[in-house]
C-alpha atoms as a PDB file:
ATOM      1  CA  MET A   1      -4.364 -28.420  -2.430  1.00  0.00           C
ATOM      2  CA  LYS A   2      -6.188 -26.368  -0.385  1.00  0.00           C
ATOM      3  CA  GLN A   3      -4.769 -23.278  -1.551  1.00  0.00           C
ATOM      4  CA  ILE A   4      -5.344 -23.806  -5.240  1.00  0.00           C
ATOM      5  CA  LEU A   5      -8.824 -24.013  -4.008  1.00  0.00           C
ATOM      6  CA  THR A   6      -9.207 -21.124  -2.475  1.00  0.00           C
ATOM      7  CA  ILE A   7      -6.916 -19.001  -4.508  1.00  0.00           C
ATOM      8  CA  PHE A   8      -9.779 -20.579  -7.357  1.00  0.00           C
ATOM      9  CA  LEU A   9     -12.849 -19.840  -5.751  1.00  0.00           C
ATOM     10  CA  VAL A  10     -11.175 -16.224  -4.600  1.00  0.00           C
ATOM     11  CA  LEU A  11     -10.964 -15.510  -8.029  1.00  0.00           C
ATOM     12  CA  THR A  12     -14.247 -16.662  -8.426  1.00  0.00           C
ATOM     13  CA  MET A  13     -15.617 -14.038  -7.281  1.00  0.00           C
ATOM     14  CA  ALA A  14     -13.614 -11.542  -8.525  1.00  0.00           C
ATOM     15  CA  VAL A  15     -14.795 -12.119 -11.091  1.00  0.00           C
ATOM     16  CA  SER A  16     -18.378 -12.446 -10.883  1.00  0.00           C
ATOM     17  CA  LEU A  17     -17.660  -9.268  -9.137  1.00  0.00           C
ATOM     18  CA  THR A  18     -16.384  -7.323 -11.278  1.00  0.00           C
ATOM     19  CA  ALA A  19     -19.217  -8.483 -13.847  1.00  0.00           C
ATOM     20  CA  CYS A  20     -21.598  -7.191 -11.808  1.00  0.00           C
ATOM     21  CA  GLY A  21     -20.539  -3.356 -11.306  1.00  0.00           C
ATOM     22  CA  ALA A  22     -22.699  -0.952 -11.420  1.00  0.00           C
ATOM     23  CA  GLY A  23     -22.521  -0.393 -14.837  1.00  0.00           C
ATOM     24  CA  ASN A  24     -22.901  -3.578 -15.943  1.00  0.00           C
ATOM     25  CA  VAL A  25     -26.587  -4.113 -13.637  1.00  0.00           C
ATOM     26  CA  ALA A  26     -29.488  -3.196 -14.622  1.00  0.00           C
ATOM     27  CA  TYR A  27     -31.394  -4.190 -11.215  1.00  0.00           C
ATOM     28  CA  LEU A  28     -29.455  -1.931  -8.514  1.00  0.00           C
ATOM     29  CA  ALA A  29     -31.057  -1.558  -4.473  1.00  0.00           C
ATOM     30  CA  ASP A  30     -32.209   2.042  -3.833  1.00  0.00           C
ATOM     31  CA  ASP A  31     -28.844   3.423  -2.847  1.00  0.00           C
ATOM     32  CA  GLY A  32     -26.835   2.365  -6.504  1.00  0.00           C
ATOM     33  CA  THR A  33     -24.386  -0.684  -4.043  1.00  0.00           C
ATOM     34  CA  VAL A  34     -24.553  -4.025  -6.252  1.00  0.00           C
ATOM     35  CA  SER A  35     -26.388  -6.181  -3.400  1.00  0.00           C
ATOM     36  CA  VAL A  36     -24.851  -9.364  -2.697  1.00  0.00           C
ATOM     37  CA  VAL A  37     -25.949 -12.840  -0.588  1.00  0.00           C
ATOM     38  CA  THR A  38     -23.955 -15.520   0.756  1.00  0.00           C
ATOM     39  CA  THR A  39     -24.990 -18.150   2.706  1.00  0.00           C
ATOM     40  CA  ILE A  40     -22.530 -19.783   4.705  1.00  0.00           C
ATOM     41  CA  PHE A  41     -19.689 -17.490   7.304  1.00  0.00           C
ATOM     42  CA  PRO A  42     -16.590 -18.340   4.495  1.00  0.00           C
ATOM     43  CA  ILE A  43     -18.789 -17.572   1.806  1.00  0.00           C
ATOM     44  CA  TYR A  44     -18.793 -14.424   3.510  1.00  0.00           C
ATOM     45  CA  ASP A  45     -15.724 -14.659   4.745  1.00  0.00           C
ATOM     46  CA  TRP A  46     -14.322 -14.605   1.565  1.00  0.00           C
ATOM     47  CA  THR A  47     -16.582 -12.306  -0.251  1.00  0.00           C
ATOM     48  CA  LYS A  48     -15.638  -9.323   2.147  1.00  0.00           C
ATOM     49  CA  GLN A  49     -11.992  -9.433   1.370  1.00  0.00           C
ATOM     50  CA  VAL A  50     -12.478  -9.681  -2.112  1.00  0.00           C
ATOM     51  CA  LEU A  51     -14.451  -6.732  -2.373  1.00  0.00           C
ATOM     52  CA  GLY A  52     -11.776  -4.572   0.544  1.00  0.00           C
ATOM     53  CA  GLU A  53     -12.639  -2.642   3.494  1.00  0.00           C
ATOM     54  CA  ASP A  54     -13.897   0.474   0.416  1.00  0.00           C
ATOM     55  CA  SER A  55     -16.369  -1.306  -1.066  1.00  0.00           C
ATOM     56  CA  ASP A  56     -20.377   0.339  -1.602  1.00  0.00           C
ATOM     57  CA  ALA A  57     -21.334  -3.742  -2.037  1.00  0.00           C
ATOM     58  CA  GLU A  58     -23.538  -4.337   1.180  1.00  0.00           C
ATOM     59  CA  LEU A  59     -23.095  -8.034   1.396  1.00  0.00           C
ATOM     60  CA  THR A  60     -25.775 -10.310   3.131  1.00  0.00           C
ATOM     61  CA  PHE A  61     -24.898 -13.547   5.178  1.00  0.00           C
ATOM     62  CA  LEU A  62     -28.298 -15.087   5.340  1.00  0.00           C
ATOM     63  CA  LEU A  63     -27.419 -18.532   8.005  1.00  0.00           C
ATOM     64  CA  SER A  64     -27.712 -16.198  12.023  1.00  0.00           C
ATOM     65  CA  THR A  65     -24.869 -17.660  14.069  1.00  0.00           C
ATOM     66  CA  GLY A  66     -24.580 -20.839  15.646  1.00  0.00           C
ATOM     67  CA  VAL A  67     -27.402 -22.362  12.041  1.00  0.00           C
ATOM     68  CA  ASP A  68     -26.708 -25.427  10.917  1.00  0.00           C
ATOM     69  CA  LEU A  69     -26.600 -25.224   7.393  1.00  0.00           C
ATOM     70  CA  HIS A  70     -28.187 -28.715   7.239  1.00  0.00           C
ATOM     71  CA  SER A  71     -31.382 -27.334   9.027  1.00  0.00           C
ATOM     72  CA  TYR A  72     -31.882 -23.724   7.670  1.00  0.00           C
ATOM     73  CA  GLN A  73     -34.716 -22.451   6.419  1.00  0.00           C
ATOM     74  CA  PRO A  74     -34.849 -19.073   5.239  1.00  0.00           C
ATOM     75  CA  THR A  75     -37.096 -16.479   6.989  1.00  0.00           C
ATOM     76  CA  ALA A  76     -39.706 -14.383   4.194  1.00  0.00           C
ATOM     77  CA  ALA A  77     -36.795 -10.961   4.675  1.00  0.00           C
ATOM     78  CA  ASP A  78     -34.582 -14.073   3.650  1.00  0.00           C
ATOM     79  CA  LEU A  79     -36.105 -15.083   0.530  1.00  0.00           C
ATOM     80  CA  LEU A  80     -37.049 -10.960  -0.108  1.00  0.00           C
ATOM     81  CA  LYS A  81     -33.264  -9.895   0.178  1.00  0.00           C
ATOM     82  CA  LEU A  82     -32.069 -12.664  -2.371  1.00  0.00           C
ATOM     83  CA  ALA A  83     -35.260 -12.041  -5.090  1.00  0.00           C
ATOM     84  CA  THR A  84     -33.846  -8.673  -5.346  1.00  0.00           C
ATOM     85  CA  CYS A  85     -29.691  -9.504  -4.732  1.00  0.00           C
ATOM     86  CA  ASP A  86     -27.735  -8.483  -8.230  1.00  0.00           C
ATOM     87  CA  LEU A  87     -24.973 -11.557  -6.683  1.00  0.00           C
ATOM     88  CA  PHE A  88     -26.417 -15.079  -4.676  1.00  0.00           C
ATOM     89  CA  ILE A  89     -23.154 -17.331  -3.711  1.00  0.00           C
ATOM     90  CA  TYR A  90     -24.036 -19.921  -2.425  1.00  0.00           C
ATOM     91  CA  VAL A  91     -22.359 -24.071  -1.911  1.00  0.00           C
ATOM     92  CA  GLY A  92     -25.219 -25.900  -2.842  1.00  0.00           C
ATOM     93  CA  GLY A  93     -25.637 -29.326  -2.520  1.00  0.00           C
ATOM     94  CA  GLU A  94     -28.215 -31.501  -0.183  1.00  0.00           C
ATOM     95  CA  SER A  95     -28.449 -28.767   2.116  1.00  0.00           C
ATOM     96  CA  ASP A  96     -28.981 -26.398  -0.140  1.00  0.00           C
ATOM     97  CA  ARG A  97     -32.356 -27.550  -1.872  1.00  0.00           C
ATOM     98  CA  TRP A  98     -34.132 -25.046  -0.591  1.00  0.00           C
ATOM     99  CA  VAL A  99     -32.533 -22.054  -2.956  1.00  0.00           C
ATOM    100  CA  GLU A 100     -33.532 -23.892  -6.133  1.00  0.00           C
ATOM    101  CA  ASP A 101     -37.428 -22.529  -5.178  1.00  0.00           C
ATOM    102  CA  ALA A 102     -36.351 -19.783  -3.822  1.00  0.00           C
ATOM    103  CA  LEU A 103     -34.493 -18.173  -6.911  1.00  0.00           C
ATOM    104  CA  LYS A 104     -37.809 -19.446  -8.740  1.00  0.00           C
ATOM    105  CA  GLU A 105     -39.221 -15.729  -6.746  1.00  0.00           C
ATOM    106  CA  LYS A 106     -36.367 -13.654  -8.189  1.00  0.00           C
ATOM    107  CA  VAL A 107     -36.929 -10.183  -9.186  1.00  0.00           C
ATOM    108  CA  ASN A 108     -33.821 -10.147 -11.146  1.00  0.00           C
ATOM    109  CA  PRO A 109     -33.466 -10.800 -14.261  1.00  0.00           C
ATOM    110  CA  ASP A 110     -29.868 -10.347 -14.364  1.00  0.00           C
ATOM    111  CA  MET A 111     -29.121 -11.698 -11.404  1.00  0.00           C
ATOM    112  CA  LYS A 112     -25.608 -13.302 -10.865  1.00  0.00           C
ATOM    113  CA  VAL A 113     -25.782 -17.439  -9.183  1.00  0.00           C
ATOM    114  CA  ILE A 114     -22.629 -18.899  -8.179  1.00  0.00           C
ATOM    115  CA  ASN A 115     -23.173 -22.807  -6.643  1.00  0.00           C
ATOM    116  CA  LEU A 116     -20.098 -23.556  -5.534  1.00  0.00           C
ATOM    117  CA  LEU A 117     -20.178 -26.650  -5.917  1.00  0.00           C
ATOM    118  CA  GLU A 118     -20.833 -26.634  -9.713  1.00  0.00           C
ATOM    119  CA  VAL A 119     -18.619 -24.617  -9.654  1.00  0.00           C
ATOM    120  CA  LEU A 120     -15.752 -27.258  -8.981  1.00  0.00           C
ATOM    121  CA  GLY A 121     -17.413 -29.633 -10.933  1.00  0.00           C
END
């Protein structure tokens, strides 16, 4: 079951990242790279593996090492990074209540957002 879940998540991210190719995204970082922001390390690590080593995408992991997801409060820099990214992937649920308010401030109208709890049903 864990293998199926992992494969599903990787495929979901791969499809989402493919949809965010440079030709399909109107809002790109100044240097033309696709910006991906993740909240927790497993999502960051999976995304890094899907993108591969030769990717030009800018991948950001919001939570610092040792920070508890349940008590995380984004900094102003975190909110700016999130507001301007091309793809935002997060867990969802109780521990990510702050995301709803943060996404109201997005400046990238083409941003793709993946809430993993919603994707998994």
